[in-house]
Each structure stands twice: as C-alpha cells, then as structure tokens.
C-alpha cells in the first residue's frame, strides 16, 4: 500500500515499477480534516498507473482545481477515476474544470455515497460529456478501445444496489 501523504511532513513521493506497470504520484492539497477551514498541503496524491500504453489516474480526495504544474506532472491521462461526492472532495463545478483540464477520453466516477450524489455529478457531466452506464463492474480498456470523444462511464456498484437500474 502506498500512502497518499507523508506523515512526517512534506509531499509523498512515489515512482516505482511493479511488473509491467509504473506507479507514481502527484501531490495535491486537501481541506483541513479537523474543520479549521484551512488547507493541509501535500496531504493527497493523484496516483498515476502507466501500463499497456495507457495512463490511468486516480484523483484520490482532490479538494482543489489543478495548477499547470500539476497538469504537467500528470502528463497524458487516458482514464481518470474521479471522486464525485462534492462534499468531502471538490465541488461538482470544480471537478468539471479538473476533468476538462486533464482531457482524459474515459472518465469513471467514484467516491459517491448515494444515488443523489451521483445524479448531481451526472447532470453536470451531461452538459460536457456523453454519459453511459456499464452493465458490468469490470471493463477492458486499451489504447485501441478508448472513446474518440470523452465520455463518462458509470460502473455498477460492486456490492450491488447503490446505483439501481440505469
């Protein structure tokens, strides 16, 4: 397990190879976990997995839009896992800005706690992206199968029942 922050202070730094995958992180900030209204610097990581000619980014608990320096460190992203709760993480409008800046062709929503949270994100996402619902919780992605234009793909919740029938 790779921690998204450095408990001793400063950003976590990860860049390792596991099998045929390179795993690295880009450090970002979060809101004060203790309700103080401030910012905790370098307490989140966007994890990037590079494998099979794909770059997959997991945004973690992103709490702010990305600076050009973050985008440069991320590089080309093909698939992005985006937290869409809009409360514990960045609000929906801010997350749309992040998604536009990253420009990944495949967007997978995650980190929502109920159908209303997901629906709020999808309502905004439909203004910019095609939205599809997968019938299975597993997908196979390759460079050849990436969508030509960006889309949001909603996977069924793996424990069942969270999304209901699309």
C-alpha atoms as a PDB file:
ATOM      1  CA  UNK A   1       0.000   0.000   0.000  1.00  0.00           C
ATOM      2  CA  UNK A   2       1.290   3.443  -0.931  1.00  0.00           C
ATOM      3  CA  UNK A   3       0.275   6.285   1.387  1.00  0.00           C
ATOM      4  CA  UNK A   4      -1.063   9.385  -0.347  1.00  0.00           C
ATOM      5  CA  UNK A   5       0.688  11.671   2.121  1.00  0.00           C
ATOM      6  CA  UNK A   6       3.880  11.774   4.129  1.00  0.00           C
ATOM      7  CA  UNK A   7       3.105  11.540   7.862  1.00  0.00           C
ATOM      8  CA  UNK A   8       6.495  13.117   8.614  1.00  0.00           C
ATOM      9  CA  UNK A   9       5.564  16.203   6.583  1.00  0.00           C
ATOM     10  CA  UNK A  10       6.112  17.266   3.004  1.00  0.00           C
ATOM     11  CA  UNK A  11       4.754  15.560  -0.074  1.00  0.00           C
ATOM     12  CA  UNK A  12       4.666  11.805  -0.549  1.00  0.00           C
ATOM     13  CA  UNK A  13       6.939  10.760  -3.380  1.00  0.00           C
ATOM     14  CA  UNK A  14       6.291   7.537  -5.231  1.00  0.00           C
ATOM     15  CA  UNK A  15       7.736   6.338  -8.511  1.00  0.00           C
ATOM     16  CA  UNK A  16       8.133   2.590  -8.754  1.00  0.00           C
ATOM     17  CA  UNK A  17       7.705  -0.252 -11.165  1.00  0.00           C
ATOM     18  CA  UNK A  18       5.567  -3.248 -10.297  1.00  0.00           C
ATOM     19  CA  UNK A  19       5.651  -5.897 -13.020  1.00  0.00           C
ATOM     20  CA  UNK A  20       4.932  -4.049 -16.244  1.00  0.00           C
ATOM     21  CA  UNK A  21       3.298  -1.062 -14.518  1.00  0.00           C
ATOM     22  CA  UNK A  22       4.858   2.188 -13.411  1.00  0.00           C
ATOM     23  CA  UNK A  23       3.115   3.777 -10.409  1.00  0.00           C
ATOM     24  CA  UNK A  24       3.790   7.386  -9.494  1.00  0.00           C
ATOM     25  CA  UNK A  25       2.028  10.174  -7.683  1.00  0.00           C
ATOM     26  CA  UNK A  26       1.381  13.886  -7.978  1.00  0.00           C
ATOM     27  CA  UNK A  27       0.956  15.575  -4.608  1.00  0.00           C
ATOM     28  CA  UNK A  28      -2.045  17.875  -4.039  1.00  0.00           C
ATOM     29  CA  UNK A  29      -3.715  19.520  -1.050  1.00  0.00           C
ATOM     30  CA  UNK A  30      -6.841  18.837   0.976  1.00  0.00           C
ATOM     31  CA  UNK A  31      -9.051  20.940   3.198  1.00  0.00           C
ATOM     32  CA  UNK A  32      -8.302  20.842   6.904  1.00  0.00           C
ATOM     33  CA  UNK A  33      -9.556  17.467   8.097  1.00  0.00           C
ATOM     34  CA  UNK A  34     -10.283  18.851  11.529  1.00  0.00           C
ATOM     35  CA  UNK A  35     -12.750  21.514  10.423  1.00  0.00           C
ATOM     36  CA  UNK A  36     -10.466  24.508  10.812  1.00  0.00           C
ATOM     37  CA  UNK A  37     -11.292  25.792   7.330  1.00  0.00           C
ATOM     38  CA  UNK A  38      -7.666  25.841   6.231  1.00  0.00           C
ATOM     39  CA  UNK A  39      -5.613  23.756   3.850  1.00  0.00           C
ATOM     40  CA  UNK A  40      -3.393  20.793   4.573  1.00  0.00           C
ATOM     41  CA  UNK A  41      -0.647  20.931   1.981  1.00  0.00           C
ATOM     42  CA  UNK A  42       0.583  17.777   0.234  1.00  0.00           C
ATOM     43  CA  UNK A  43      -1.953  15.567   2.038  1.00  0.00           C
ATOM     44  CA  UNK A  44      -3.443  13.969  -1.091  1.00  0.00           C
ATOM     45  CA  UNK A  45      -1.930  12.150  -4.013  1.00  0.00           C
ATOM     46  CA  UNK A  46      -3.165  11.671  -7.504  1.00  0.00           C
ATOM     47  CA  UNK A  47      -1.852   8.216  -8.327  1.00  0.00           C
ATOM     48  CA  UNK A  48      -0.929   7.525 -11.942  1.00  0.00           C
ATOM     49  CA  UNK A  49      -0.508   3.998 -13.273  1.00  0.00           C
ATOM     50  CA  UNK A  50       1.207   3.638 -16.621  1.00  0.00           C
ATOM     51  CA  UNK A  51       0.769   0.219 -18.217  1.00  0.00           C
ATOM     52  CA  UNK A  52      -0.046  -1.344 -21.585  1.00  0.00           C
ATOM     53  CA  UNK A  53       0.345   2.045 -23.294  1.00  0.00           C
ATOM     54  CA  UNK A  54      -2.330   3.543 -21.016  1.00  0.00           C
ATOM     55  CA  UNK A  55      -2.094   6.170 -18.289  1.00  0.00           C
ATOM     56  CA  UNK A  56      -4.719   5.827 -15.574  1.00  0.00           C
ATOM     57  CA  UNK A  57      -5.137   8.498 -12.886  1.00  0.00           C
ATOM     58  CA  UNK A  58      -6.942   8.095  -9.546  1.00  0.00           C
ATOM     59  CA  UNK A  59      -7.642  11.594  -8.211  1.00  0.00           C
ATOM     60  CA  UNK A  60      -7.924  10.492  -4.587  1.00  0.00           C
ATOM     61  CA  UNK A  61      -9.548  13.099  -2.318  1.00  0.00           C
ATOM     62  CA  UNK A  62      -8.842  16.050  -4.563  1.00  0.00           C
ATOM     63  CA  UNK A  63     -10.014  19.306  -2.967  1.00  0.00           C
ATOM     64  CA  UNK A  64      -8.882  21.935  -5.463  1.00  0.00           C
ATOM     65  CA  UNK A  65      -8.581  22.582  -9.169  1.00  0.00           C
ATOM     66  CA  UNK A  66      -5.249  21.739 -10.716  1.00  0.00           C
ATOM     67  CA  UNK A  67      -2.445  24.174 -11.382  1.00  0.00           C
ATOM     68  CA  UNK A  68      -0.449  23.980 -14.627  1.00  0.00           C
ATOM     69  CA  UNK A  69       2.387  22.376 -12.627  1.00  0.00           C
ATOM     70  CA  UNK A  70       0.053  19.521 -11.586  1.00  0.00           C
ATOM     71  CA  UNK A  71      -1.092  19.005 -15.173  1.00  0.00           C
ATOM     72  CA  UNK A  72       2.495  18.935 -16.403  1.00  0.00           C
ATOM     73  CA  UNK A  73       3.409  16.284 -13.818  1.00  0.00           C
ATOM     74  CA  UNK A  74       0.340  14.220 -14.737  1.00  0.00           C
ATOM     75  CA  UNK A  75       1.078  14.214 -18.445  1.00  0.00           C
ATOM     76  CA  UNK A  76      -1.305  12.489 -20.834  1.00  0.00           C
ATOM     77  CA  UNK A  77      -4.103  10.702 -18.989  1.00  0.00           C
ATOM     78  CA  UNK A  78      -6.307   8.177 -20.802  1.00  0.00           C
ATOM     79  CA  UNK A  79      -8.590   7.057 -17.962  1.00  0.00           C
ATOM     80  CA  UNK A  80      -9.434   9.127 -14.892  1.00  0.00           C
ATOM     81  CA  UNK A  81     -11.160   7.901 -11.734  1.00  0.00           C
ATOM     82  CA  UNK A  82     -12.899  10.956 -10.352  1.00  0.00           C
ATOM     83  CA  UNK A  83     -14.370  11.445  -6.854  1.00  0.00           C
ATOM     84  CA  UNK A  84     -17.845  12.888  -7.285  1.00  0.00           C
ATOM     85  CA  UNK A  85     -19.220  13.246  -3.759  1.00  0.00           C
ATOM     86  CA  UNK A  86     -18.885  17.045  -3.973  1.00  0.00           C
ATOM     87  CA  UNK A  87     -18.556  17.442  -0.214  1.00  0.00           C
ATOM     88  CA  UNK A  88     -15.567  15.578   1.109  1.00  0.00           C
ATOM     89  CA  UNK A  89     -13.846  16.406  -2.171  1.00  0.00           C
ATOM     90  CA  UNK A  90     -14.020  19.236  -4.689  1.00  0.00           C
ATOM     91  CA  UNK A  91     -17.482  20.509  -5.627  1.00  0.00           C
ATOM     92  CA  UNK A  92     -19.049  19.419  -8.905  1.00  0.00           C
ATOM     93  CA  UNK A  93     -18.268  22.610 -10.843  1.00  0.00           C
ATOM     94  CA  UNK A  94     -14.636  22.466  -9.742  1.00  0.00           C
ATOM     95  CA  UNK A  95     -14.411  18.798 -10.677  1.00  0.00           C
ATOM     96  CA  UNK A  96     -15.752  19.592 -14.168  1.00  0.00           C
ATOM     97  CA  UNK A  97     -12.939  22.133 -14.508  1.00  0.00           C
ATOM     98  CA  UNK A  98     -10.412  19.481 -13.461  1.00  0.00           C
ATOM     99  CA  UNK A  99     -11.802  16.961 -15.951  1.00  0.00           C
ATOM    100  CA  UNK A 100     -11.649  19.488 -18.797  1.00  0.00           C
ATOM    101  CA  UNK A 101      -8.050  20.344 -17.901  1.00  0.00           C
ATOM    102  CA  UNK A 102      -6.975  16.689 -17.771  1.00  0.00           C
ATOM    103  CA  UNK A 103      -8.770  15.844 -21.019  1.00  0.00           C
ATOM    104  CA  UNK A 104      -8.980  12.070 -20.497  1.00  0.00           C
ATOM    105  CA  UNK A 105     -11.159  10.240 -23.016  1.00  0.00           C
ATOM    106  CA  UNK A 106     -12.612   7.907 -20.361  1.00  0.00           C
ATOM    107  CA  UNK A 107     -13.983   9.207 -17.044  1.00  0.00           C
ATOM    108  CA  UNK A 108     -15.044   6.789 -14.299  1.00  0.00           C
ATOM    109  CA  UNK A 109     -16.979   8.338 -11.389  1.00  0.00           C
ATOM    110  CA  UNK A 110     -16.232   7.057  -7.886  1.00  0.00           C
ATOM    111  CA  UNK A 111     -16.488   8.114  -4.245  1.00  0.00           C
ATOM    112  CA  UNK A 112     -20.186   8.832  -4.076  1.00  0.00           C
ATOM    113  CA  UNK A 113     -22.343   7.819  -1.176  1.00  0.00           C
ATOM    114  CA  UNK A 114     -25.824   7.670  -2.618  1.00  0.00           C
ATOM    115  CA  UNK A 115     -27.650   7.903  -5.942  1.00  0.00           C
ATOM    116  CA  UNK A 116     -28.428  11.609  -5.418  1.00  0.00           C
ATOM    117  CA  UNK A 117     -24.718  12.451  -5.234  1.00  0.00           C
ATOM    118  CA  UNK A 118     -24.009  10.554  -8.430  1.00  0.00           C
ATOM    119  CA  UNK A 119     -27.044  12.065 -10.163  1.00  0.00           C
ATOM    120  CA  UNK A 120     -25.877  15.592  -9.290  1.00  0.00           C
ATOM    121  CA  UNK A 121     -22.485  14.876 -10.868  1.00  0.00           C
ATOM    122  CA  UNK A 122     -24.010  13.218 -13.941  1.00  0.00           C
ATOM    123  CA  UNK A 123     -26.418  16.109 -14.528  1.00  0.00           C
ATOM    124  CA  UNK A 124     -23.441  18.464 -14.793  1.00  0.00           C
ATOM    125  CA  UNK A 125     -21.314  15.945 -16.713  1.00  0.00           C
ATOM    126  CA  UNK A 126     -24.037  15.566 -19.385  1.00  0.00           C
ATOM    127  CA  UNK A 127     -23.504  19.229 -20.267  1.00  0.00           C
ATOM    128  CA  UNK A 128     -19.984  18.364 -21.460  1.00  0.00           C
ATOM    129  CA  UNK A 129     -19.708  14.603 -21.994  1.00  0.00           C
ATOM    130  CA  UNK A 130     -21.582  11.605 -23.238  1.00  0.00           C
ATOM    131  CA  UNK A 131     -22.701   9.508 -20.241  1.00  0.00           C
ATOM    132  CA  UNK A 132     -23.065   5.735 -20.449  1.00  0.00           C
ATOM    133  CA  UNK A 133     -23.907   3.046 -17.903  1.00  0.00           C
ATOM    134  CA  UNK A 134     -21.996  -0.227 -17.972  1.00  0.00           C
ATOM    135  CA  UNK A 135     -23.914  -3.412 -17.283  1.00  0.00           C
ATOM    136  CA  UNK A 136     -20.814  -4.982 -15.705  1.00  0.00           C
ATOM    137  CA  UNK A 137     -18.481  -3.777 -12.981  1.00  0.00           C
ATOM    138  CA  UNK A 138     -15.434  -4.822 -14.994  1.00  0.00           C
ATOM    139  CA  UNK A 139     -14.251  -3.282 -18.216  1.00  0.00           C
ATOM    140  CA  UNK A 140     -11.311  -3.915 -20.514  1.00  0.00           C
ATOM    141  CA  UNK A 141      -9.618  -0.832 -21.874  1.00  0.00           C
ATOM    142  CA  UNK A 142      -6.823  -0.478 -24.399  1.00  0.00           C
ATOM    143  CA  UNK A 143      -5.455   2.392 -26.478  1.00  0.00           C
ATOM    144  CA  UNK A 144      -7.440   0.985 -29.397  1.00  0.00           C
ATOM    145  CA  UNK A 145     -10.738   0.944 -27.473  1.00  0.00           C
ATOM    146  CA  UNK A 146     -10.567   4.393 -25.884  1.00  0.00           C
ATOM    147  CA  UNK A 147     -13.517   6.531 -26.981  1.00  0.00           C
ATOM    148  CA  UNK A 148     -12.862   9.013 -29.792  1.00  0.00           C
ATOM    149  CA  UNK A 149     -14.564  11.740 -27.750  1.00  0.00           C
ATOM    150  CA  UNK A 150     -14.563  11.909 -23.969  1.00  0.00           C
ATOM    151  CA  UNK A 151     -17.271  10.041 -22.110  1.00  0.00           C
ATOM    152  CA  UNK A 152     -18.298   9.255 -18.558  1.00  0.00           C
ATOM    153  CA  UNK A 153     -18.798   5.558 -17.923  1.00  0.00           C
ATOM    154  CA  UNK A 154     -20.705   4.637 -14.770  1.00  0.00           C
ATOM    155  CA  UNK A 155     -19.873   1.182 -13.499  1.00  0.00           C
ATOM    156  CA  UNK A 156     -22.425  -0.632 -11.352  1.00  0.00           C
ATOM    157  CA  UNK A 157     -21.574  -0.530  -7.675  1.00  0.00           C
ATOM    158  CA  UNK A 158     -19.779  -3.808  -6.976  1.00  0.00           C
ATOM    159  CA  UNK A 159     -21.709  -4.649  -3.790  1.00  0.00           C
ATOM    160  CA  UNK A 160     -24.981  -4.110  -5.618  1.00  0.00           C
ATOM    161  CA  UNK A 161     -27.882  -1.792  -5.053  1.00  0.00           C
ATOM    162  CA  UNK A 162     -26.205   1.606  -4.878  1.00  0.00           C
ATOM    163  CA  UNK A 163     -26.977   2.778  -8.380  1.00  0.00           C
ATOM    164  CA  UNK A 164     -30.131   0.832  -9.025  1.00  0.00           C
ATOM    165  CA  UNK A 165     -31.045   0.196 -12.644  1.00  0.00           C
ATOM    166  CA  UNK A 166     -29.864   2.893 -15.031  1.00  0.00           C
END
